[in-house]
């Protein structure tokens, strides 16, 4: 039977089970999940939070992670600045990054979501406004969301992956996991 684990990865946790690069151990998946034989389907930056799927099924892992399958991934993104809908048009059209153009994304302004507090908190500056965007991609390049928002002049302050395909974080607290 295929196992699928939905995990709400906290900020600062590596999306791997061991940390061999740092002389000072950093938190990894093994600090939260003790299930042999499951592996992450894709990655999520250490600075990002949210949904990570783990499975023991190599085909499912490839279907989730491979851009060839165009599985949608939805992110809640806090950006620096005060964009309007027109400012998001480049995201919808596809942004040209150093490694080539991105696929068009769905992007819309949203009200600040009711999320858990981030540890450490996002730096707040009274003179610099911020806003939230819901961004849905069908590819997953390295640090893609951060690079896309920076390319349109809206640096990312906080990034939470909320959904991958049909699976979402609904009701899952940071550091918690459940079977999917």
N, C-alpha and C. Protein backbone atom coordinates (compact mmCIF):
# COMPACT_ATOMS: atom_id res chain seq x y z
N UNK A 1 0.84 -1.19 0.00
CA UNK A 1 0.00 0.00 0.00
C UNK A 1 0.89 1.26 0.00
N UNK A 2 0.58 2.18 -0.87
CA UNK A 2 1.33 3.43 -0.98
C UNK A 2 1.09 4.30 0.25
N UNK A 3 2.17 4.86 0.76
CA UNK A 3 2.05 5.83 1.86
C UNK A 3 2.27 7.22 1.31
N UNK A 4 1.43 8.14 1.77
CA UNK A 4 1.58 9.54 1.42
C UNK A 4 1.43 10.33 2.71
N UNK A 5 2.45 11.11 3.02
CA UNK A 5 2.49 11.92 4.24
C UNK A 5 2.42 13.39 3.84
N UNK A 6 1.52 14.14 4.47
CA UNK A 6 1.44 15.59 4.32
C UNK A 6 2.09 16.19 5.55
N UNK A 7 3.10 17.01 5.35
CA UNK A 7 3.86 17.60 6.45
C UNK A 7 3.87 19.11 6.31
N UNK A 8 3.60 19.82 7.40
CA UNK A 8 3.69 21.28 7.43
C UNK A 8 5.08 21.64 7.93
N UNK A 9 5.97 21.91 6.98
CA UNK A 9 7.37 22.19 7.29
C UNK A 9 7.51 23.58 7.90
N UNK A 10 8.05 23.66 9.11
CA UNK A 10 8.30 24.99 9.70
C UNK A 10 9.46 25.69 9.01
N UNK A 11 9.51 27.00 9.17
CA UNK A 11 10.64 27.81 8.70
C UNK A 11 11.92 27.27 9.33
N UNK A 12 13.00 27.20 8.56
CA UNK A 12 14.30 26.79 9.09
C UNK A 12 14.59 25.31 9.02
N UNK A 13 13.62 24.50 8.60
CA UNK A 13 13.82 23.05 8.53
C UNK A 13 14.24 22.68 7.11
N UNK A 14 15.25 21.81 7.01
CA UNK A 14 15.70 21.32 5.71
C UNK A 14 14.76 20.23 5.21
N UNK A 15 14.50 20.20 3.90
CA UNK A 15 13.62 19.18 3.31
C UNK A 15 14.44 17.95 2.94
N UNK A 16 15.10 17.39 3.94
CA UNK A 16 15.86 16.16 3.80
C UNK A 16 15.96 15.55 5.20
N UNK A 17 16.38 14.28 5.26
CA UNK A 17 16.40 13.60 6.56
C UNK A 17 17.71 13.75 7.31
N UNK A 18 18.79 14.17 6.64
CA UNK A 18 20.06 14.39 7.31
C UNK A 18 20.66 15.70 6.83
N UNK A 19 21.52 16.27 7.67
CA UNK A 19 22.23 17.50 7.33
C UNK A 19 23.72 17.19 7.39
N UNK A 20 24.31 16.99 6.23
CA UNK A 20 25.73 16.65 6.19
C UNK A 20 26.61 17.84 5.87
N UNK A 21 26.03 18.98 5.53
CA UNK A 21 26.82 20.14 5.09
C UNK A 21 27.22 21.09 6.21
N UNK A 22 26.44 21.12 7.26
CA UNK A 22 26.68 22.13 8.29
C UNK A 22 27.42 21.54 9.49
N UNK A 23 28.45 22.25 9.99
CA UNK A 23 29.13 21.77 11.20
C UNK A 23 28.21 21.82 12.43
N UNK A 24 27.23 22.72 12.39
CA UNK A 24 26.23 22.79 13.46
C UNK A 24 24.95 22.19 12.90
N UNK A 25 24.46 21.10 13.49
CA UNK A 25 23.27 20.46 12.94
C UNK A 25 22.06 21.41 12.85
N UNK A 26 21.38 21.34 11.72
CA UNK A 26 20.17 22.12 11.51
C UNK A 26 18.98 21.17 11.53
N UNK A 27 17.78 21.67 11.84
CA UNK A 27 16.62 20.78 11.87
C UNK A 27 16.34 20.18 10.49
N UNK A 28 15.97 18.91 10.47
CA UNK A 28 15.64 18.19 9.25
C UNK A 28 14.31 17.48 9.42
N UNK A 29 13.86 16.81 8.37
CA UNK A 29 12.62 16.04 8.43
C UNK A 29 12.65 14.99 9.53
N UNK A 30 13.84 14.43 9.80
CA UNK A 30 13.94 13.37 10.81
C UNK A 30 13.62 13.87 12.22
N UNK A 31 13.64 15.18 12.43
CA UNK A 31 13.26 15.74 13.73
C UNK A 31 11.74 15.70 13.93
N UNK A 32 10.99 15.44 12.85
CA UNK A 32 9.53 15.49 12.91
C UNK A 32 8.86 14.18 12.46
N UNK A 33 9.50 13.46 11.56
CA UNK A 33 8.86 12.29 10.94
C UNK A 33 9.77 11.08 11.12
N UNK A 34 9.23 10.04 11.76
CA UNK A 34 9.98 8.80 11.98
C UNK A 34 9.25 7.65 11.28
N UNK A 35 9.22 7.73 9.95
CA UNK A 35 8.57 6.69 9.16
C UNK A 35 9.59 6.20 8.14
N UNK A 36 10.02 4.96 8.26
CA UNK A 36 11.03 4.47 7.32
C UNK A 36 10.48 4.35 5.89
N UNK A 37 11.35 4.62 4.92
CA UNK A 37 11.01 4.37 3.52
C UNK A 37 10.24 5.45 2.80
N UNK A 38 9.96 6.59 3.45
CA UNK A 38 9.29 7.69 2.74
C UNK A 38 10.32 8.77 2.43
N UNK A 39 10.11 9.41 1.27
CA UNK A 39 11.03 10.44 0.80
C UNK A 39 10.24 11.62 0.29
N UNK A 40 10.81 12.84 0.41
CA UNK A 40 10.08 14.02 -0.06
C UNK A 40 9.91 14.00 -1.58
N UNK A 41 8.73 14.40 -2.01
CA UNK A 41 8.42 14.56 -3.43
C UNK A 41 8.62 16.04 -3.75
N UNK A 42 9.84 16.42 -4.09
CA UNK A 42 10.17 17.81 -4.32
C UNK A 42 10.82 18.41 -3.08
N UNK A 43 11.14 19.68 -3.18
CA UNK A 43 11.83 20.36 -2.09
C UNK A 43 11.11 21.65 -1.74
N UNK A 44 11.45 22.17 -0.60
CA UNK A 44 10.96 23.47 -0.16
C UNK A 44 12.12 24.12 0.58
N UNK A 45 12.50 25.31 0.16
CA UNK A 45 13.65 26.00 0.75
C UNK A 45 13.58 26.04 2.26
N UNK A 46 14.75 26.09 2.88
CA UNK A 46 14.83 26.20 4.33
C UNK A 46 14.11 27.45 4.83
N UNK A 47 14.15 28.54 4.04
CA UNK A 47 13.52 29.80 4.43
C UNK A 47 12.01 29.81 4.19
N UNK A 48 11.49 28.77 3.57
CA UNK A 48 10.06 28.71 3.26
C UNK A 48 9.36 27.75 4.21
N UNK A 49 8.05 27.89 4.27
CA UNK A 49 7.23 27.07 5.15
C UNK A 49 6.17 26.35 4.33
N UNK A 50 5.54 25.37 4.95
CA UNK A 50 4.35 24.82 4.33
C UNK A 50 4.44 23.39 3.90
N UNK A 51 3.57 23.05 2.96
CA UNK A 51 3.31 21.67 2.58
C UNK A 51 4.48 21.00 1.88
N UNK A 52 4.87 19.87 2.46
CA UNK A 52 5.82 18.95 1.84
C UNK A 52 5.13 17.60 1.82
N UNK A 53 5.14 16.95 0.66
CA UNK A 53 4.58 15.60 0.53
C UNK A 53 5.72 14.60 0.57
N UNK A 54 5.53 13.52 1.31
CA UNK A 54 6.51 12.44 1.35
C UNK A 54 5.78 11.15 0.99
N UNK A 55 6.46 10.28 0.24
CA UNK A 55 5.84 9.04 -0.18
C UNK A 55 6.88 7.94 -0.29
N UNK A 56 6.40 6.69 -0.30
CA UNK A 56 7.27 5.54 -0.53
C UNK A 56 7.10 5.01 -1.95
N UNK A 57 6.34 5.74 -2.77
CA UNK A 57 6.04 5.32 -4.15
C UNK A 57 6.81 6.20 -5.13
N UNK A 58 7.81 5.62 -5.80
CA UNK A 58 8.66 6.37 -6.72
C UNK A 58 7.89 7.00 -7.87
N UNK A 59 6.88 6.32 -8.40
CA UNK A 59 6.09 6.89 -9.50
C UNK A 59 5.30 8.10 -9.03
N UNK A 60 4.68 7.99 -7.85
CA UNK A 60 3.93 9.12 -7.31
C UNK A 60 4.89 10.27 -7.01
N UNK A 61 6.04 9.96 -6.47
CA UNK A 61 7.04 10.98 -6.17
C UNK A 61 7.41 11.74 -7.45
N UNK A 62 7.63 11.03 -8.55
CA UNK A 62 7.98 11.66 -9.83
C UNK A 62 6.82 12.48 -10.37
N UNK A 63 5.59 11.97 -10.24
CA UNK A 63 4.42 12.70 -10.75
C UNK A 63 4.24 14.01 -9.99
N UNK A 64 4.51 14.02 -8.71
CA UNK A 64 4.36 15.23 -7.90
C UNK A 64 5.49 16.22 -8.20
N UNK A 65 6.71 15.74 -8.27
CA UNK A 65 7.88 16.62 -8.34
C UNK A 65 8.25 17.07 -9.76
N UNK A 66 7.99 16.26 -10.76
CA UNK A 66 8.45 16.57 -12.11
C UNK A 66 7.63 17.67 -12.76
N UNK A 67 8.29 18.72 -13.29
CA UNK A 67 7.57 19.79 -13.99
C UNK A 67 6.83 19.26 -15.23
N UNK A 68 7.27 18.11 -15.74
CA UNK A 68 6.64 17.52 -16.93
C UNK A 68 5.16 17.23 -16.68
N UNK A 69 4.80 16.91 -15.44
CA UNK A 69 3.42 16.56 -15.11
C UNK A 69 2.56 17.78 -14.80
N UNK A 70 3.18 18.96 -14.67
CA UNK A 70 2.48 20.23 -14.47
C UNK A 70 1.50 20.22 -13.29
N UNK A 71 1.88 19.54 -12.20
CA UNK A 71 1.02 19.54 -11.01
C UNK A 71 1.05 20.92 -10.38
N UNK A 72 -0.12 21.48 -10.14
CA UNK A 72 -0.20 22.83 -9.57
C UNK A 72 0.28 22.86 -8.13
N UNK A 73 1.00 23.93 -7.81
CA UNK A 73 1.46 24.20 -6.45
C UNK A 73 1.06 25.64 -6.13
N UNK A 74 0.33 25.81 -5.02
CA UNK A 74 -0.17 27.13 -4.65
C UNK A 74 0.58 27.64 -3.43
N UNK A 75 1.03 28.88 -3.52
CA UNK A 75 1.81 29.53 -2.47
C UNK A 75 1.09 30.78 -1.99
N UNK A 76 1.21 31.05 -0.69
CA UNK A 76 0.78 32.32 -0.11
C UNK A 76 2.06 33.10 0.13
N UNK A 77 2.16 34.26 -0.51
CA UNK A 77 3.42 35.00 -0.53
C UNK A 77 3.22 36.40 0.01
N UNK A 78 3.92 36.72 1.08
CA UNK A 78 3.94 38.09 1.60
C UNK A 78 5.09 38.80 0.90
N UNK A 79 4.76 39.90 0.24
CA UNK A 79 5.78 40.66 -0.50
C UNK A 79 5.92 42.06 0.07
N UNK A 80 7.10 42.61 -0.15
CA UNK A 80 7.35 43.99 0.23
C UNK A 80 6.83 44.88 -0.90
N UNK A 81 6.02 45.86 -0.54
CA UNK A 81 5.46 46.76 -1.53
C UNK A 81 3.95 46.76 -1.47
N UNK A 82 3.35 47.57 -2.31
CA UNK A 82 1.89 47.71 -2.35
C UNK A 82 1.42 47.51 -3.80
N UNK A 83 1.47 46.28 -4.30
CA UNK A 83 1.09 46.04 -5.69
C UNK A 83 -0.41 46.16 -5.90
N UNK A 84 -0.78 46.43 -7.16
CA UNK A 84 -2.18 46.32 -7.55
C UNK A 84 -2.27 45.17 -8.56
N UNK A 85 -3.47 44.89 -9.03
CA UNK A 85 -3.66 43.75 -9.94
C UNK A 85 -2.78 43.88 -11.19
N UNK A 86 -2.61 45.09 -11.71
CA UNK A 86 -1.79 45.29 -12.91
C UNK A 86 -0.32 44.91 -12.66
N UNK A 87 0.16 45.10 -11.43
CA UNK A 87 1.54 44.75 -11.10
C UNK A 87 1.77 43.24 -11.18
N UNK A 88 0.69 42.47 -11.07
CA UNK A 88 0.81 41.01 -11.10
C UNK A 88 0.76 40.44 -12.52
N UNK A 89 0.46 41.28 -13.51
CA UNK A 89 0.35 40.82 -14.90
C UNK A 89 1.60 40.06 -15.38
N UNK A 90 2.82 40.52 -15.07
CA UNK A 90 3.99 39.76 -15.53
C UNK A 90 4.02 38.32 -14.97
N UNK A 91 3.53 38.13 -13.75
CA UNK A 91 3.48 36.78 -13.19
C UNK A 91 2.53 35.91 -14.00
N UNK A 92 1.41 36.51 -14.41
CA UNK A 92 0.40 35.78 -15.19
C UNK A 92 0.88 35.48 -16.61
N UNK A 93 1.76 36.32 -17.13
CA UNK A 93 2.27 36.14 -18.49
C UNK A 93 3.51 35.25 -18.54
N UNK A 94 4.19 35.11 -17.41
CA UNK A 94 5.46 34.41 -17.37
C UNK A 94 6.58 35.43 -17.26
N UNK A 95 7.47 35.22 -16.33
CA UNK A 95 8.57 36.14 -16.04
C UNK A 95 9.85 35.54 -16.62
N UNK A 96 10.69 36.37 -17.20
CA UNK A 96 11.98 35.89 -17.71
C UNK A 96 13.00 35.94 -16.57
N UNK A 97 13.52 34.77 -16.21
CA UNK A 97 14.54 34.65 -15.18
C UNK A 97 15.87 34.28 -15.85
N UNK A 98 16.95 34.25 -15.09
CA UNK A 98 18.25 33.92 -15.67
C UNK A 98 18.27 32.55 -16.34
N UNK A 99 17.45 31.62 -15.82
CA UNK A 99 17.41 30.27 -16.41
C UNK A 99 16.26 30.12 -17.41
N UNK A 100 15.74 31.24 -17.92
CA UNK A 100 14.72 31.20 -18.96
C UNK A 100 13.36 31.66 -18.46
N UNK A 101 12.39 31.75 -19.38
CA UNK A 101 11.06 32.21 -19.00
C UNK A 101 10.31 31.17 -18.18
N UNK A 102 9.49 31.67 -17.25
CA UNK A 102 8.65 30.77 -16.46
C UNK A 102 7.35 30.54 -17.22
N UNK A 103 6.66 29.49 -16.86
CA UNK A 103 5.32 29.28 -17.39
C UNK A 103 4.41 30.35 -16.77
N UNK A 104 3.34 30.72 -17.47
CA UNK A 104 2.38 31.64 -16.85
C UNK A 104 1.84 31.05 -15.54
N UNK A 105 1.65 31.92 -14.57
CA UNK A 105 1.14 31.51 -13.25
C UNK A 105 -0.20 32.18 -13.01
N UNK A 106 -0.96 31.62 -12.09
CA UNK A 106 -2.15 32.33 -11.62
C UNK A 106 -1.70 33.16 -10.43
N UNK A 107 -2.08 34.43 -10.43
CA UNK A 107 -1.66 35.33 -9.36
C UNK A 107 -2.80 36.27 -9.03
N UNK A 108 -3.04 36.43 -7.72
CA UNK A 108 -4.07 37.39 -7.29
C UNK A 108 -3.69 37.92 -5.92
N UNK A 109 -4.11 39.17 -5.68
CA UNK A 109 -3.93 39.76 -4.36
C UNK A 109 -4.95 39.14 -3.41
N UNK A 110 -4.53 38.89 -2.18
CA UNK A 110 -5.43 38.32 -1.17
C UNK A 110 -5.28 39.11 0.13
N UNK A 111 -6.28 38.98 0.98
CA UNK A 111 -6.18 39.57 2.32
C UNK A 111 -5.13 38.78 3.11
N UNK A 112 -4.51 39.40 4.10
CA UNK A 112 -3.54 38.65 4.90
C UNK A 112 -4.19 37.37 5.46
N UNK A 113 -3.61 36.20 5.17
CA UNK A 113 -4.22 34.95 5.62
C UNK A 113 -4.03 34.74 7.13
N UNK A 114 -4.92 33.95 7.71
CA UNK A 114 -4.84 33.62 9.13
C UNK A 114 -3.85 32.47 9.30
N UNK A 115 -2.57 32.82 9.39
CA UNK A 115 -1.52 31.82 9.53
C UNK A 115 -0.96 31.83 10.94
N UNK A 116 -0.24 30.80 11.27
CA UNK A 116 0.50 30.70 12.52
C UNK A 116 1.61 31.76 12.52
N UNK A 117 2.07 32.19 13.69
CA UNK A 117 3.20 33.12 13.74
C UNK A 117 4.46 32.43 13.22
N UNK A 118 5.28 33.16 12.51
CA UNK A 118 6.53 32.59 12.01
C UNK A 118 7.62 32.77 13.05
N UNK A 119 8.49 31.76 13.17
CA UNK A 119 9.62 31.83 14.09
C UNK A 119 10.89 31.63 13.29
N UNK A 120 11.72 32.67 13.11
CA UNK A 120 11.60 34.02 13.64
C UNK A 120 10.57 34.84 12.86
N UNK A 121 10.03 35.88 13.50
CA UNK A 121 9.02 36.71 12.82
C UNK A 121 9.62 37.42 11.60
N UNK A 122 8.75 37.73 10.65
CA UNK A 122 9.15 38.52 9.49
C UNK A 122 9.45 39.93 9.99
N UNK A 123 10.54 40.49 9.53
CA UNK A 123 10.92 41.86 9.93
C UNK A 123 9.84 42.84 9.48
N UNK A 124 9.40 43.67 10.37
CA UNK A 124 8.35 44.64 10.07
C UNK A 124 8.96 46.04 10.02
N UNK A 125 8.62 46.78 8.96
CA UNK A 125 9.09 48.16 8.85
C UNK A 125 7.89 49.06 8.63
N UNK A 126 7.74 50.02 9.51
CA UNK A 126 6.55 50.88 9.48
C UNK A 126 6.45 51.72 8.21
N UNK A 127 7.58 52.03 7.59
CA UNK A 127 7.55 52.90 6.41
C UNK A 127 7.46 52.13 5.10
N UNK A 128 7.50 50.80 5.17
CA UNK A 128 7.46 49.99 3.95
C UNK A 128 6.22 49.10 3.99
N UNK A 129 5.29 49.30 3.05
CA UNK A 129 4.08 48.47 3.05
C UNK A 129 4.38 47.05 2.59
N UNK A 130 3.47 46.16 2.91
CA UNK A 130 3.56 44.80 2.39
C UNK A 130 2.18 44.33 1.97
N UNK A 131 2.15 43.26 1.21
CA UNK A 131 0.89 42.71 0.70
C UNK A 131 1.04 41.21 0.55
N UNK A 132 -0.11 40.53 0.37
CA UNK A 132 -0.12 39.08 0.19
C UNK A 132 -0.64 38.74 -1.21
N UNK A 133 0.01 37.76 -1.81
CA UNK A 133 -0.36 37.26 -3.13
C UNK A 133 -0.57 35.76 -3.03
N UNK A 134 -1.60 35.26 -3.70
CA UNK A 134 -1.73 33.82 -3.89
C UNK A 134 -1.19 33.53 -5.29
N UNK A 135 -0.20 32.65 -5.36
CA UNK A 135 0.49 32.37 -6.61
C UNK A 135 0.45 30.87 -6.87
N UNK A 136 -0.05 30.46 -8.04
CA UNK A 136 -0.13 29.05 -8.40
C UNK A 136 0.74 28.79 -9.62
N UNK A 137 1.70 27.87 -9.44
CA UNK A 137 2.66 27.51 -10.49
C UNK A 137 2.43 26.08 -10.95
N UNK A 138 2.93 25.77 -12.15
CA UNK A 138 2.90 24.39 -12.64
C UNK A 138 4.32 23.89 -12.92
N UNK A 139 5.29 24.54 -12.32
CA UNK A 139 6.68 24.10 -12.40
C UNK A 139 7.30 24.37 -11.04
N UNK A 140 8.52 23.96 -10.83
CA UNK A 140 9.13 24.15 -9.52
C UNK A 140 10.63 24.31 -9.60
N UNK A 141 11.07 25.41 -10.12
CA UNK A 141 12.51 25.67 -10.19
C UNK A 141 13.02 26.10 -8.82
N UNK A 142 14.34 26.05 -8.67
CA UNK A 142 14.98 26.45 -7.43
C UNK A 142 14.64 27.90 -7.09
N UNK A 143 14.06 28.10 -5.93
CA UNK A 143 13.69 29.42 -5.40
C UNK A 143 12.86 30.24 -6.39
N UNK A 144 12.04 29.56 -7.17
CA UNK A 144 11.30 30.20 -8.26
C UNK A 144 10.37 31.32 -7.81
N UNK A 145 9.58 31.09 -6.80
CA UNK A 145 8.63 32.13 -6.36
C UNK A 145 9.40 33.38 -5.93
N UNK A 146 10.42 33.21 -5.15
CA UNK A 146 11.22 34.35 -4.69
C UNK A 146 11.84 35.10 -5.87
N UNK A 147 12.33 34.36 -6.84
CA UNK A 147 12.96 35.01 -8.01
C UNK A 147 11.91 35.71 -8.87
N UNK A 148 10.72 35.12 -8.99
CA UNK A 148 9.66 35.75 -9.79
C UNK A 148 9.19 37.06 -9.16
N UNK A 149 8.94 37.05 -7.84
CA UNK A 149 8.46 38.28 -7.21
C UNK A 149 9.56 39.36 -7.21
N UNK A 150 10.81 38.95 -7.03
CA UNK A 150 11.91 39.92 -7.08
C UNK A 150 12.02 40.53 -8.48
N UNK A 151 11.79 39.72 -9.50
CA UNK A 151 11.90 40.21 -10.89
C UNK A 151 10.88 41.29 -11.21
N UNK A 152 9.76 41.31 -10.49
CA UNK A 152 8.75 42.35 -10.73
C UNK A 152 8.79 43.43 -9.65
N UNK A 153 9.88 43.46 -8.86
CA UNK A 153 10.07 44.52 -7.87
C UNK A 153 9.32 44.33 -6.57
N UNK A 154 8.94 43.08 -6.25
CA UNK A 154 8.22 42.79 -5.02
C UNK A 154 8.95 41.68 -4.26
N UNK A 155 9.99 42.02 -3.49
CA UNK A 155 10.74 40.99 -2.78
C UNK A 155 9.85 40.19 -1.82
N UNK A 156 10.08 38.88 -1.77
CA UNK A 156 9.32 38.00 -0.88
C UNK A 156 9.81 38.15 0.55
N UNK A 157 8.86 38.34 1.47
CA UNK A 157 9.16 38.41 2.90
C UNK A 157 8.85 37.08 3.58
N UNK A 158 7.75 36.45 3.18
CA UNK A 158 7.34 35.17 3.76
C UNK A 158 6.71 34.33 2.66
N UNK A 159 7.03 33.04 2.67
CA UNK A 159 6.55 32.15 1.62
C UNK A 159 6.02 30.87 2.26
N UNK A 160 4.73 30.59 2.00
CA UNK A 160 4.08 29.40 2.55
C UNK A 160 3.47 28.61 1.39
N UNK A 161 3.95 27.37 1.18
CA UNK A 161 3.31 26.53 0.17
C UNK A 161 2.06 25.94 0.82
N UNK A 162 0.89 26.25 0.24
CA UNK A 162 -0.38 25.86 0.82
C UNK A 162 -0.96 24.60 0.20
N UNK A 163 -0.73 24.41 -1.10
CA UNK A 163 -1.37 23.29 -1.79
C UNK A 163 -0.42 22.71 -2.84
N UNK A 164 -0.50 21.38 -3.00
CA UNK A 164 0.16 20.67 -4.09
C UNK A 164 -0.91 19.77 -4.69
N UNK A 165 -1.29 20.03 -5.94
CA UNK A 165 -2.36 19.25 -6.55
C UNK A 165 -3.59 19.27 -5.67
N UNK A 166 -4.15 18.10 -5.32
CA UNK A 166 -5.36 18.06 -4.50
C UNK A 166 -5.10 18.12 -2.99
N UNK A 167 -3.84 18.13 -2.57
CA UNK A 167 -3.51 18.09 -1.14
C UNK A 167 -3.22 19.48 -0.61
N UNK A 168 -3.73 19.79 0.59
CA UNK A 168 -3.48 21.11 1.17
C UNK A 168 -3.15 21.02 2.65
N UNK A 169 -2.74 22.16 3.19
CA UNK A 169 -2.37 22.28 4.60
C UNK A 169 -3.56 22.44 5.53
N UNK A 170 -4.76 22.52 5.00
CA UNK A 170 -5.93 22.76 5.84
C UNK A 170 -5.87 21.96 7.14
N UNK A 171 -5.89 22.68 8.28
CA UNK A 171 -5.94 22.05 9.60
C UNK A 171 -4.64 21.43 10.09
N UNK A 172 -3.54 21.66 9.40
CA UNK A 172 -2.26 21.04 9.77
C UNK A 172 -1.33 22.10 10.34
N UNK A 173 -1.01 21.99 11.61
CA UNK A 173 -0.15 22.97 12.28
C UNK A 173 1.32 22.77 11.90
N UNK A 174 2.15 23.80 12.04
CA UNK A 174 3.58 23.67 11.73
C UNK A 174 4.21 22.54 12.53
N UNK A 175 5.01 21.72 11.84
CA UNK A 175 5.69 20.60 12.49
C UNK A 175 4.83 19.35 12.58
N UNK A 176 3.56 19.44 12.21
CA UNK A 176 2.66 18.28 12.29
C UNK A 176 2.57 17.61 10.92
N UNK A 177 2.18 16.34 10.92
CA UNK A 177 1.96 15.60 9.68
C UNK A 177 0.75 14.69 9.82
N UNK A 178 0.24 14.27 8.67
CA UNK A 178 -0.86 13.31 8.65
C UNK A 178 -0.75 12.49 7.37
N UNK A 179 -1.40 11.33 7.40
CA UNK A 179 -1.48 10.49 6.20
C UNK A 179 -2.41 11.14 5.21
N UNK A 180 -2.07 11.06 3.92
CA UNK A 180 -2.89 11.68 2.89
C UNK A 180 -3.82 10.72 2.19
